[in-house]
All heavy atoms as atom14 arrays in JSON, in Angstrom:
{
  "sequence": "LGLILFFCSSSLLPLLTDPMIADFKACGGMI",
  "atom14_mask": [
    [1, 1, 1, 1, 1, 1, 1, 1, 0, 0, 0, 0, 0, 0],
    [1, 1, 1, 1, 0, 0, 0, 0, 0, 0, 0, 0, 0, 0],
    [1, 1, 1, 1, 1, 1, 1, 1, 0, 0, 0, 0, 0, 0],
    [1, 1, 1, 1, 1, 1, 1, 1, 0, 0, 0, 0, 0, 0],
    [1, 1, 1, 1, 1, 1, 1, 1, 0, 0, 0, 0, 0, 0],
    [1, 1, 1, 1, 1, 1, 1, 1, 1, 1, 1, 0, 0, 0],
    [1, 1, 1, 1, 1, 1, 1, 1, 1, 1, 1, 0, 0, 0],
    [1, 1, 1, 1, 1, 1, 0, 0, 0, 0, 0, 0, 0, 0],
    [1, 1, 1, 1, 1, 1, 0, 0, 0, 0, 0, 0, 0, 0],
    [1, 1, 1, 1, 1, 1, 0, 0, 0, 0, 0, 0, 0, 0],
    [1, 1, 1, 1, 1, 1, 0, 0, 0, 0, 0, 0, 0, 0],
    [1, 1, 1, 1, 1, 1, 1, 1, 0, 0, 0, 0, 0, 0],
    [1, 1, 1, 1, 1, 1, 1, 1, 0, 0, 0, 0, 0, 0],
    [1, 1, 1, 1, 1, 1, 1, 0, 0, 0, 0, 0, 0, 0],
    [1, 1, 1, 1, 1, 1, 1, 1, 0, 0, 0, 0, 0, 0],
    [1, 1, 1, 1, 1, 1, 1, 1, 0, 0, 0, 0, 0, 0],
    [1, 1, 1, 1, 1, 1, 1, 0, 0, 0, 0, 0, 0, 0],
    [1, 1, 1, 1, 1, 1, 1, 1, 0, 0, 0, 0, 0, 0],
    [1, 1, 1, 1, 1, 1, 1, 0, 0, 0, 0, 0, 0, 0],
    [1, 1, 1, 1, 1, 1, 1, 1, 0, 0, 0, 0, 0, 0],
    [1, 1, 1, 1, 1, 1, 1, 1, 0, 0, 0, 0, 0, 0],
    [1, 1, 1, 1, 1, 0, 0, 0, 0, 0, 0, 0, 0, 0],
    [1, 1, 1, 1, 1, 1, 1, 1, 0, 0, 0, 0, 0, 0],
    [1, 1, 1, 1, 1, 1, 1, 1, 1, 1, 1, 0, 0, 0],
    [1, 1, 1, 1, 1, 1, 1, 1, 1, 0, 0, 0, 0, 0],
    [1, 1, 1, 1, 1, 0, 0, 0, 0, 0, 0, 0, 0, 0],
    [1, 1, 1, 1, 1, 1, 0, 0, 0, 0, 0, 0, 0, 0],
    [1, 1, 1, 1, 0, 0, 0, 0, 0, 0, 0, 0, 0, 0],
    [1, 1, 1, 1, 0, 0, 0, 0, 0, 0, 0, 0, 0, 0],
    [1, 1, 1, 1, 1, 1, 1, 1, 0, 0, 0, 0, 0, 0],
    [1, 1, 1, 1, 1, 1, 1, 1, 0, 0, 0, 0, 0, 0]
  ],
  "atom14_positions": [
    [[-27.02, -16.2, -4.49], [-25.53, -15.96, -4.32], [-24.81, -17.15, -4.13], [-23.78, -17.49, -4.7], [-25.23, -15.01, -3.16], [-23.79, -14.69, -2.85], [-23.19, -13.94, -3.97], [-23.64, -13.97, -1.54], [0.0, 0.0, 0.0], [0.0, 0.0, 0.0], [0.0, 0.0, 0.0], [0.0, 0.0, 0.0], [0.0, 0.0, 0.0], [0.0, 0.0, 0.0]],
    [[-25.33, -18.15, -3.25], [-24.68, -19.33, -3.0], [-24.56, -20.25, -4.25], [-23.49, -20.82, -4.49], [0.0, 0.0, 0.0], [0.0, 0.0, 0.0], [0.0, 0.0, 0.0], [0.0, 0.0, 0.0], [0.0, 0.0, 0.0], [0.0, 0.0, 0.0], [0.0, 0.0, 0.0], [0.0, 0.0, 0.0], [0.0, 0.0, 0.0], [0.0, 0.0, 0.0]],
    [[-25.53, -20.28, -5.08], [-25.54, -21.09, -6.31], [-24.48, -20.45, -7.29], [-23.78, -21.21, -7.97], [-26.91, -21.08, -7.04], [-28.02, -21.93, -6.3], [-29.35, -21.78, -7.0], [-27.59, -23.35, -6.23], [0.0, 0.0, 0.0], [0.0, 0.0, 0.0], [0.0, 0.0, 0.0], [0.0, 0.0, 0.0], [0.0, 0.0, 0.0], [0.0, 0.0, 0.0]],
    [[-24.48, -19.2, -7.41], [-23.34, -18.47, -8.28], [-22.01, -18.93, -7.74], [-21.2, -19.24, -8.59], [-23.59, -16.99, -8.24], [-24.94, -16.64, -9.03], [-22.45, -16.32, -8.97], [-25.29, -15.19, -8.8], [0.0, 0.0, 0.0], [0.0, 0.0, 0.0], [0.0, 0.0, 0.0], [0.0, 0.0, 0.0], [0.0, 0.0, 0.0], [0.0, 0.0, 0.0]],
    [[-21.73, -18.7, -6.5], [-20.36, -19.12, -5.94], [-20.12, -20.61, -6.12], [-18.96, -20.9, -6.55], [-20.37, -18.7, -4.52], [-20.43, -17.26, -4.19], [-20.55, -17.03, -2.63], [-19.2, -16.54, -4.81], [0.0, 0.0, 0.0], [0.0, 0.0, 0.0], [0.0, 0.0, 0.0], [0.0, 0.0, 0.0], [0.0, 0.0, 0.0], [0.0, 0.0, 0.0]],
    [[-21.01, -21.4, -5.95], [-20.83, -22.84, -6.02], [-20.43, -23.26, -7.45], [-19.41, -23.97, -7.64], [-22.15, -23.65, -5.71], [-22.04, -25.14, -5.9], [-21.57, -25.93, -4.83], [-22.49, -25.65, -7.08], [-21.43, -27.32, -5.01], [-22.36, -27.06, -7.27], [-21.89, -27.89, -6.23], [0.0, 0.0, 0.0], [0.0, 0.0, 0.0], [0.0, 0.0, 0.0]],
    [[-21.2, -22.73, -8.47], [-20.92, -23.23, -9.87], [-19.62, -22.55, -10.35], [-18.93, -23.19, -11.1], [-22.16, -22.9, -10.71], [-23.27, -23.86, -10.49], [-24.41, -23.36, -10.02], [-23.14, -25.19, -10.85], [-25.53, -24.18, -9.76], [-24.18, -25.98, -10.55], [-25.41, -25.57, -10.04], [0.0, 0.0, 0.0], [0.0, 0.0, 0.0], [0.0, 0.0, 0.0]],
    [[-19.32, -21.3, -9.95], [-18.07, -20.68, -10.35], [-16.89, -21.42, -9.78], [-15.87, -21.7, -10.47], [-18.05, -19.26, -9.92], [-19.18, -18.11, -10.83], [0.0, 0.0, 0.0], [0.0, 0.0, 0.0], [0.0, 0.0, 0.0], [0.0, 0.0, 0.0], [0.0, 0.0, 0.0], [0.0, 0.0, 0.0], [0.0, 0.0, 0.0], [0.0, 0.0, 0.0]],
    [[-16.97, -21.85, -8.49], [-15.84, -22.5, -7.83], [-15.64, -23.84, -8.41], [-14.54, -24.36, -8.54], [-16.03, -22.54, -6.32], [-17.18, -23.33, -5.96], [0.0, 0.0, 0.0], [0.0, 0.0, 0.0], [0.0, 0.0, 0.0], [0.0, 0.0, 0.0], [0.0, 0.0, 0.0], [0.0, 0.0, 0.0], [0.0, 0.0, 0.0], [0.0, 0.0, 0.0]],
    [[-16.81, -24.67, -8.64], [-16.58, -26.07, -9.15], [-15.92, -26.05, -10.47], [-15.27, -27.02, -10.83], [-17.99, -26.64, -9.22], [-18.89, -25.97, -10.05], [0.0, 0.0, 0.0], [0.0, 0.0, 0.0], [0.0, 0.0, 0.0], [0.0, 0.0, 0.0], [0.0, 0.0, 0.0], [0.0, 0.0, 0.0], [0.0, 0.0, 0.0], [0.0, 0.0, 0.0]],
    [[-16.07, -25.06, -11.3], [-15.43, -24.98, -12.63], [-13.88, -24.84, -12.54], [-13.17, -25.14, -13.49], [-15.98, -23.88, -13.38], [-15.74, -22.59, -12.89], [0.0, 0.0, 0.0], [0.0, 0.0, 0.0], [0.0, 0.0, 0.0], [0.0, 0.0, 0.0], [0.0, 0.0, 0.0], [0.0, 0.0, 0.0], [0.0, 0.0, 0.0], [0.0, 0.0, 0.0]],
    [[-13.46, -24.3, -11.31], [-11.98, -24.1, -11.08], [-11.34, -25.3, -10.49], [-10.05, -25.43, -10.39], [-11.75, -22.88, -10.19], [-12.25, -21.57, -10.69], [-12.09, -20.52, -9.61], [-11.51, -21.15, -11.92], [0.0, 0.0, 0.0], [0.0, 0.0, 0.0], [0.0, 0.0, 0.0], [0.0, 0.0, 0.0], [0.0, 0.0, 0.0], [0.0, 0.0, 0.0]],
    [[-12.05, -26.32, -10.08], [-11.58, -27.51, -9.26], [-10.35, -28.14, -10.01], [-9.4, -28.51, -9.32], [-12.65, -28.42, -8.95], [-12.3, -29.61, -8.04], [-11.81, -29.08, -6.74], [-13.52, -30.57, -7.95], [0.0, 0.0, 0.0], [0.0, 0.0, 0.0], [0.0, 0.0, 0.0], [0.0, 0.0, 0.0], [0.0, 0.0, 0.0], [0.0, 0.0, 0.0]],
    [[-10.44, -28.44, -11.3], [-9.27, -29.11, -11.99], [-7.94, -28.34, -11.9], [-6.87, -28.99, -12.02], [-9.71, -29.19, -13.4], [-11.16, -29.11, -13.46], [-11.48, -28.06, -12.25], [0.0, 0.0, 0.0], [0.0, 0.0, 0.0], [0.0, 0.0, 0.0], [0.0, 0.0, 0.0], [0.0, 0.0, 0.0], [0.0, 0.0, 0.0], [0.0, 0.0, 0.0]],
    [[-7.99, -27.05, -11.49], [-6.72, -26.25, -11.5], [-6.11, -26.25, -10.02], [-5.05, -25.75, -9.84], [-7.01, -24.79, -11.89], [-7.67, -24.59, -13.29], [-8.02, -23.09, -13.4], [-6.8, -25.12, -14.32], [0.0, 0.0, 0.0], [0.0, 0.0, 0.0], [0.0, 0.0, 0.0], [0.0, 0.0, 0.0], [0.0, 0.0, 0.0], [0.0, 0.0, 0.0]],
    [[-6.79, -26.83, -9.09], [-6.35, -26.77, -7.72], [-5.59, -28.03, -7.25], [-5.82, -29.14, -7.75], [-7.59, -26.52, -6.87], [-8.45, -25.35, -7.22], [-9.69, -25.29, -6.27], [-7.74, -23.96, -7.24], [0.0, 0.0, 0.0], [0.0, 0.0, 0.0], [0.0, 0.0, 0.0], [0.0, 0.0, 0.0], [0.0, 0.0, 0.0], [0.0, 0.0, 0.0]],
    [[-4.72, -27.79, -6.26], [-4.01, -28.84, -5.59], [-4.52, -29.02, -4.18], [-5.17, -28.14, -3.61], [-2.48, -28.54, -5.52], [-2.3, -27.38, -4.68], [-1.93, -28.28, -6.94], [0.0, 0.0, 0.0], [0.0, 0.0, 0.0], [0.0, 0.0, 0.0], [0.0, 0.0, 0.0], [0.0, 0.0, 0.0], [0.0, 0.0, 0.0], [0.0, 0.0, 0.0]],
    [[-4.17, -30.18, -3.52], [-4.72, -30.45, -2.26], [-4.24, -29.38, -1.23], [-5.0, -28.9, -0.32], [-4.27, -31.84, -1.75], [-5.07, -32.88, -2.51], [-6.21, -32.62, -3.06], [-4.57, -34.02, -2.47], [0.0, 0.0, 0.0], [0.0, 0.0, 0.0], [0.0, 0.0, 0.0], [0.0, 0.0, 0.0], [0.0, 0.0, 0.0], [0.0, 0.0, 0.0]],
    [[-2.91, -28.9, -1.26], [-2.47, -27.94, -0.29], [-3.24, -26.56, -0.54], [-3.53, -25.9, 0.47], [-0.99, -27.72, -0.64], [-0.6, -29.03, -1.17], [-1.83, -29.54, -1.96], [0.0, 0.0, 0.0], [0.0, 0.0, 0.0], [0.0, 0.0, 0.0], [0.0, 0.0, 0.0], [0.0, 0.0, 0.0], [0.0, 0.0, 0.0], [0.0, 0.0, 0.0]],
    [[-3.57, -26.22, -1.73], [-4.32, -24.97, -1.98], [-5.72, -25.09, -1.44], [-6.17, -24.08, -0.77], [-4.38, -24.75, -3.59], [-3.06, -24.41, -4.13], [-3.13, -24.44, -5.99], [-4.23, -23.07, -6.35], [0.0, 0.0, 0.0], [0.0, 0.0, 0.0], [0.0, 0.0, 0.0], [0.0, 0.0, 0.0], [0.0, 0.0, 0.0], [0.0, 0.0, 0.0]],
    [[-6.38, -26.19, -1.57], [-7.7, -26.35, -1.03], [-7.62, -26.32, 0.52], [-8.47, -25.75, 1.26], [-8.3, -27.67, -1.49], [-8.63, -27.57, -2.97], [-9.64, -27.93, -0.79], [-9.14, -28.83, -3.65], [0.0, 0.0, 0.0], [0.0, 0.0, 0.0], [0.0, 0.0, 0.0], [0.0, 0.0, 0.0], [0.0, 0.0, 0.0], [0.0, 0.0, 0.0]],
    [[-6.6, -26.97, 1.12], [-6.43, -27.0, 2.57], [-6.26, -25.55, 3.08], [-6.8, -25.15, 4.13], [-5.23, -27.91, 3.0], [0.0, 0.0, 0.0], [0.0, 0.0, 0.0], [0.0, 0.0, 0.0], [0.0, 0.0, 0.0], [0.0, 0.0, 0.0], [0.0, 0.0, 0.0], [0.0, 0.0, 0.0], [0.0, 0.0, 0.0], [0.0, 0.0, 0.0]],
    [[-5.4, -24.77, 2.36], [-5.16, -23.41, 2.88], [-6.39, -22.55, 2.62], [-6.76, -21.59, 3.46], [-3.96, -22.78, 2.06], [-2.66, -23.4, 2.47], [-2.61, -24.02, 3.58], [-1.71, -23.28, 1.73], [0.0, 0.0, 0.0], [0.0, 0.0, 0.0], [0.0, 0.0, 0.0], [0.0, 0.0, 0.0], [0.0, 0.0, 0.0], [0.0, 0.0, 0.0]],
    [[-7.12, -22.81, 1.61], [-8.41, -22.11, 1.45], [-9.46, -22.35, 2.62], [-10.0, -21.47, 3.14], [-9.06, -22.55, 0.14], [-10.49, -21.95, -0.09], [-10.71, -20.75, -0.55], [-11.58, -22.8, 0.19], [-11.97, -20.23, -0.72], [-12.92, -22.3, 0.03], [-13.06, -20.96, -0.43], [0.0, 0.0, 0.0], [0.0, 0.0, 0.0], [0.0, 0.0, 0.0]],
    [[-9.48, -23.66, 2.98], [-10.32, -23.97, 4.08], [-9.83, -23.33, 5.42], [-10.64, -22.84, 6.24], [-10.36, -25.48, 4.32], [-11.1, -26.25, 3.29], [-11.11, -27.7, 3.53], [-11.97, -28.48, 2.47], [-12.03, -29.97, 2.83], [0.0, 0.0, 0.0], [0.0, 0.0, 0.0], [0.0, 0.0, 0.0], [0.0, 0.0, 0.0], [0.0, 0.0, 0.0]],
    [[-8.51, -23.32, 5.63], [-7.93, -22.62, 6.83], [-8.26, -21.15, 6.88], [-8.62, -20.64, 7.96], [-6.46, -22.88, 6.88], [0.0, 0.0, 0.0], [0.0, 0.0, 0.0], [0.0, 0.0, 0.0], [0.0, 0.0, 0.0], [0.0, 0.0, 0.0], [0.0, 0.0, 0.0], [0.0, 0.0, 0.0], [0.0, 0.0, 0.0], [0.0, 0.0, 0.0]],
    [[-8.21, -20.53, 5.71], [-8.45, -19.13, 5.64], [-9.96, -18.9, 5.94], [-10.36, -17.99, 6.78], [-8.18, -18.56, 4.28], [-8.32, -16.77, 4.05], [0.0, 0.0, 0.0], [0.0, 0.0, 0.0], [0.0, 0.0, 0.0], [0.0, 0.0, 0.0], [0.0, 0.0, 0.0], [0.0, 0.0, 0.0], [0.0, 0.0, 0.0], [0.0, 0.0, 0.0]],
    [[-10.81, -19.77, 5.37], [-12.25, -19.65, 5.68], [-12.49, -19.92, 7.17], [-13.42, -19.28, 7.79], [0.0, 0.0, 0.0], [0.0, 0.0, 0.0], [0.0, 0.0, 0.0], [0.0, 0.0, 0.0], [0.0, 0.0, 0.0], [0.0, 0.0, 0.0], [0.0, 0.0, 0.0], [0.0, 0.0, 0.0], [0.0, 0.0, 0.0], [0.0, 0.0, 0.0]],
    [[-11.72, -20.83, 7.74], [-11.93, -21.09, 9.14], [-11.55, -19.87, 10.0], [-12.28, -19.67, 11.02], [0.0, 0.0, 0.0], [0.0, 0.0, 0.0], [0.0, 0.0, 0.0], [0.0, 0.0, 0.0], [0.0, 0.0, 0.0], [0.0, 0.0, 0.0], [0.0, 0.0, 0.0], [0.0, 0.0, 0.0], [0.0, 0.0, 0.0], [0.0, 0.0, 0.0]],
    [[-10.55, -19.1, 9.61], [-10.21, -17.93, 10.38], [-11.38, -16.86, 10.29], [-11.71, -16.23, 11.25], [-8.95, -17.35, 9.85], [-7.69, -18.18, 10.15], [-6.2, -17.43, 9.54], [-4.92, -18.54, 10.06], [0.0, 0.0, 0.0], [0.0, 0.0, 0.0], [0.0, 0.0, 0.0], [0.0, 0.0, 0.0], [0.0, 0.0, 0.0], [0.0, 0.0, 0.0]],
    [[-11.88, -16.74, 9.16], [-13.05, -15.88, 8.95], [-14.29, -16.28, 9.72], [-14.95, -15.46, 10.34], [-13.34, -15.67, 7.47], [-12.25, -15.05, 6.7], [-14.64, -14.81, 7.2], [-12.44, -14.94, 5.15], [0.0, 0.0, 0.0], [0.0, 0.0, 0.0], [0.0, 0.0, 0.0], [0.0, 0.0, 0.0], [0.0, 0.0, 0.0], [0.0, 0.0, 0.0]]
  ]
}
């Protein structure tokens, strides 16, 4: 599962901004 999530997310990296990644981390931090 970890490998699937890793490779799926890395393919989306060019579409992301720094604030989007920061908010993603914050949401993960709450969980």
